[in-house]
N, C-alpha and C. Protein backbone atom coordinates (compact mmCIF):
# COMPACT_ATOMS: atom_id res chain seq x y z
N MET A 1 -66.44 130.91 48.27
CA MET A 1 -67.00 131.03 49.63
C MET A 1 -68.43 130.78 49.93
N PRO A 2 -69.46 130.75 48.47
CA PRO A 2 -70.74 130.23 48.64
C PRO A 2 -70.67 128.98 48.97
N ILE A 3 -69.81 127.70 48.49
CA ILE A 3 -69.92 126.57 48.85
C ILE A 3 -69.51 126.07 49.88
N VAL A 4 -68.70 127.30 50.87
CA VAL A 4 -68.70 126.76 51.97
C VAL A 4 -69.94 127.29 52.95
N VAL A 5 -70.42 128.27 52.80
CA VAL A 5 -71.52 128.65 53.61
C VAL A 5 -72.45 127.71 53.23
N ALA A 6 -72.79 126.94 51.86
CA ALA A 6 -74.02 125.78 51.85
C ALA A 6 -73.15 124.41 52.48
N SER A 7 -72.07 124.32 52.97
CA SER A 7 -71.88 123.15 53.19
C SER A 7 -71.76 123.35 54.83
N PHE A 8 -71.54 124.44 55.54
CA PHE A 8 -71.78 124.41 56.96
C PHE A 8 -73.20 124.43 57.10
N ALA A 9 -74.20 125.16 56.51
CA ALA A 9 -75.58 124.80 56.59
C ALA A 9 -75.91 123.64 56.70
N ALA A 10 -75.66 123.06 55.44
CA ALA A 10 -76.23 121.47 55.37
C ALA A 10 -75.36 120.54 56.73
N LEU A 11 -74.47 120.88 57.18
CA LEU A 11 -73.96 120.55 58.33
C LEU A 11 -75.00 120.77 59.56
N ALA A 12 -75.22 121.86 59.40
CA ALA A 12 -75.92 122.50 60.89
C ALA A 12 -77.02 121.85 60.89
N VAL A 13 -77.68 121.86 59.82
CA VAL A 13 -79.35 121.06 59.65
C VAL A 13 -78.95 119.74 59.75
N GLY A 14 -78.19 118.93 59.52
CA GLY A 14 -77.75 117.31 59.43
C GLY A 14 -77.80 117.29 61.13
N TYR A 15 -76.99 117.94 61.85
CA TYR A 15 -76.80 117.68 63.08
C TYR A 15 -77.86 118.44 64.15
N GLY A 16 -78.68 118.85 63.54
CA GLY A 16 -80.25 119.29 64.17
C GLY A 16 -80.73 118.41 64.03
N LEU A 17 -80.86 117.79 62.83
CA LEU A 17 -82.34 116.57 62.51
C LEU A 17 -81.48 115.63 63.72
N GLY A 18 -80.43 115.36 63.53
CA GLY A 18 -79.75 114.15 64.81
C GLY A 18 -80.14 113.94 65.82
N GLU A 19 -79.86 115.43 66.66
CA GLU A 19 -79.94 115.68 67.76
C GLU A 19 -81.80 115.69 68.30
N GLN A 20 -82.35 116.24 67.27
CA GLN A 20 -83.79 115.78 67.50
C GLN A 20 -84.18 114.38 67.57
N ALA A 21 -84.11 113.55 66.70
CA ALA A 21 -84.22 112.07 66.53
C ALA A 21 -83.75 111.61 67.65
N GLN A 22 -82.64 111.98 68.49
CA GLN A 22 -82.32 111.28 69.78
C GLN A 22 -83.08 111.48 70.73
N LEU A 23 -83.83 112.56 70.95
CA LEU A 23 -84.85 113.52 71.74
C LEU A 23 -86.11 112.46 72.04
N VAL A 24 -86.47 111.69 70.72
CA VAL A 24 -87.80 111.20 70.34
C VAL A 24 -87.90 110.02 71.36
N GLU A 25 -88.83 110.00 72.52
CA GLU A 25 -88.86 108.85 73.70
C GLU A 25 -89.31 107.42 72.91
N GLN A 26 -88.69 106.60 73.54
CA GLN A 26 -89.14 105.28 72.81
C GLN A 26 -90.29 104.54 73.71
N GLU A 27 -91.10 103.89 72.92
CA GLU A 27 -92.50 103.49 74.04
C GLU A 27 -91.61 102.05 74.70
N ALA A 28 -92.24 102.02 75.85
CA ALA A 28 -91.57 100.72 76.84
C ALA A 28 -92.41 99.49 75.81
N GLN A 29 -91.39 98.66 76.13
CA GLN A 29 -91.65 96.96 75.93
C GLN A 29 -92.02 96.63 77.12
N THR A 30 -92.91 95.52 77.03
CA THR A 30 -93.36 94.84 78.31
C THR A 30 -93.74 93.33 78.14
N VAL A 31 -93.45 92.61 79.12
CA VAL A 31 -93.37 90.81 78.82
C VAL A 31 -94.32 90.51 80.16
N THR A 32 -95.61 89.99 79.77
CA THR A 32 -96.34 89.14 80.76
C THR A 32 -96.66 88.06 80.63
N GLN A 33 -96.63 87.34 81.65
CA GLN A 33 -97.01 85.78 81.82
C GLN A 33 -98.10 85.52 82.34
N GLU A 34 -99.07 84.64 81.83
CA GLU A 34 -99.84 84.04 82.69
C GLU A 34 -100.36 82.59 82.23
N VAL A 35 -100.83 82.01 83.08
CA VAL A 35 -101.32 80.58 83.32
C VAL A 35 -102.62 80.39 83.05
N ARG A 36 -102.87 79.97 81.54
CA ARG A 36 -104.74 79.78 80.98
C ARG A 36 -104.72 78.53 81.00
N HIS A 37 -105.76 78.15 81.85
CA HIS A 37 -106.71 76.93 81.80
C HIS A 37 -107.87 76.62 80.82
N THR A 38 -107.54 75.62 80.11
CA THR A 38 -108.78 75.44 79.35
C THR A 38 -109.17 73.73 79.64
N GLY A 39 -110.04 73.58 80.32
CA GLY A 39 -110.36 72.16 81.09
C GLY A 39 -109.65 71.71 81.56
N ASP A 40 -108.90 70.64 81.43
CA ASP A 40 -107.48 70.29 82.09
C ASP A 40 -106.36 70.35 81.73
N VAL A 41 -106.42 71.37 80.29
CA VAL A 41 -104.61 71.61 80.01
C VAL A 41 -104.41 72.98 80.44
N LYS A 42 -103.39 73.16 81.23
CA LYS A 42 -102.82 74.60 81.49
C LYS A 42 -101.74 74.70 80.51
N ARG A 43 -101.68 75.95 80.13
CA ARG A 43 -100.90 76.87 79.60
C ARG A 43 -99.79 78.04 79.69
N LEU A 44 -98.84 77.72 79.76
CA LEU A 44 -97.97 78.98 80.19
C LEU A 44 -98.01 80.16 78.55
N CYS A 45 -98.34 81.46 78.90
CA CYS A 45 -98.47 82.21 77.65
C CYS A 45 -97.93 83.57 78.21
N LEU A 46 -97.00 84.21 77.25
CA LEU A 46 -96.45 85.45 77.16
C LEU A 46 -96.59 85.82 76.02
N THR A 47 -96.89 87.21 76.81
CA THR A 47 -97.68 88.40 75.50
C THR A 47 -96.40 89.46 75.80
N VAL A 48 -95.83 89.83 74.51
CA VAL A 48 -95.02 91.12 74.71
C VAL A 48 -95.68 92.04 73.65
N LYS A 49 -95.57 93.43 74.42
CA LYS A 49 -96.74 94.72 73.71
C LYS A 49 -95.22 96.02 73.98
N THR A 50 -95.77 96.46 72.72
CA THR A 50 -94.79 97.85 72.89
C THR A 50 -95.81 99.12 72.87
N GLY A 51 -96.05 99.91 73.78
CA GLY A 51 -96.99 100.88 74.13
C GLY A 51 -98.29 100.05 74.24
N GLY A 52 -98.92 100.14 73.44
CA GLY A 52 -100.78 99.50 73.19
C GLY A 52 -101.01 98.25 72.58
N ARG A 53 -99.66 98.38 71.42
CA ARG A 53 -99.78 97.08 70.34
C ARG A 53 -99.10 95.87 71.00
N ILE A 54 -99.76 94.66 70.55
CA ILE A 54 -99.18 93.47 70.88
C ILE A 54 -98.30 92.93 69.55
N ASP A 55 -97.17 92.53 70.12
CA ASP A 55 -95.75 92.24 69.09
C ASP A 55 -96.28 90.71 68.91
N ALA A 56 -96.22 90.11 70.13
CA ALA A 56 -95.92 88.69 70.01
C ALA A 56 -96.79 87.85 71.23
N ILE A 57 -97.50 86.64 70.93
CA ILE A 57 -98.03 85.88 72.24
C ILE A 57 -97.46 84.59 71.57
N THR A 58 -97.12 83.75 72.91
CA THR A 58 -96.70 82.39 72.73
C THR A 58 -96.94 81.49 73.72
N CYS A 59 -98.07 80.52 73.49
CA CYS A 59 -98.17 79.58 74.43
C CYS A 59 -97.66 78.57 74.41
N GLN A 60 -97.31 77.83 75.86
CA GLN A 60 -96.97 75.93 75.72
C GLN A 60 -97.53 75.64 76.98
N VAL A 61 -97.97 74.13 76.60
CA VAL A 61 -98.53 73.30 77.29
C VAL A 61 -97.54 72.71 78.66
N LEU A 62 -98.15 73.06 79.78
CA LEU A 62 -97.80 72.80 81.00
C LEU A 62 -97.80 71.36 81.06
N ASP A 63 -96.89 70.61 81.66
CA ASP A 63 -97.10 68.85 82.04
C ASP A 63 -97.58 69.00 83.71
N ASP A 64 -98.81 68.58 83.65
CA ASP A 64 -99.43 68.32 85.20
C ASP A 64 -98.88 67.92 86.21
N MET A 65 -97.84 66.95 85.78
CA MET A 65 -97.25 66.01 86.69
C MET A 65 -95.69 66.37 87.19
N THR A 66 -95.31 66.97 86.15
CA THR A 66 -93.82 67.96 86.40
C THR A 66 -93.91 69.42 86.68
N GLY A 67 -94.92 69.87 86.01
CA GLY A 67 -94.98 71.47 85.94
C GLY A 67 -94.06 71.86 84.95
N ALA A 68 -93.66 71.10 83.74
CA ALA A 68 -92.67 71.67 83.32
C ALA A 68 -93.03 71.85 81.86
N LEU A 69 -92.44 72.51 80.92
CA LEU A 69 -93.21 73.10 79.51
C LEU A 69 -93.23 71.77 78.52
N SER A 70 -93.98 71.38 77.98
CA SER A 70 -94.14 70.59 77.15
C SER A 70 -93.52 70.82 75.41
């Protein structure tokens, strides 16, 4: 009988912790893009943030004649 009670208690605690973990709100991830100018060079830059933390930044040169990424 004590094993059944202990098993039920462990199951109830595990289920409760699982439900609580699902209630934690995830921080939103945002992606922003901007064109940066340095002299005659134009770059398209993407910034990925989660909450207030920057996860990644990438920049690629834009071709002045075609507007395509180089």
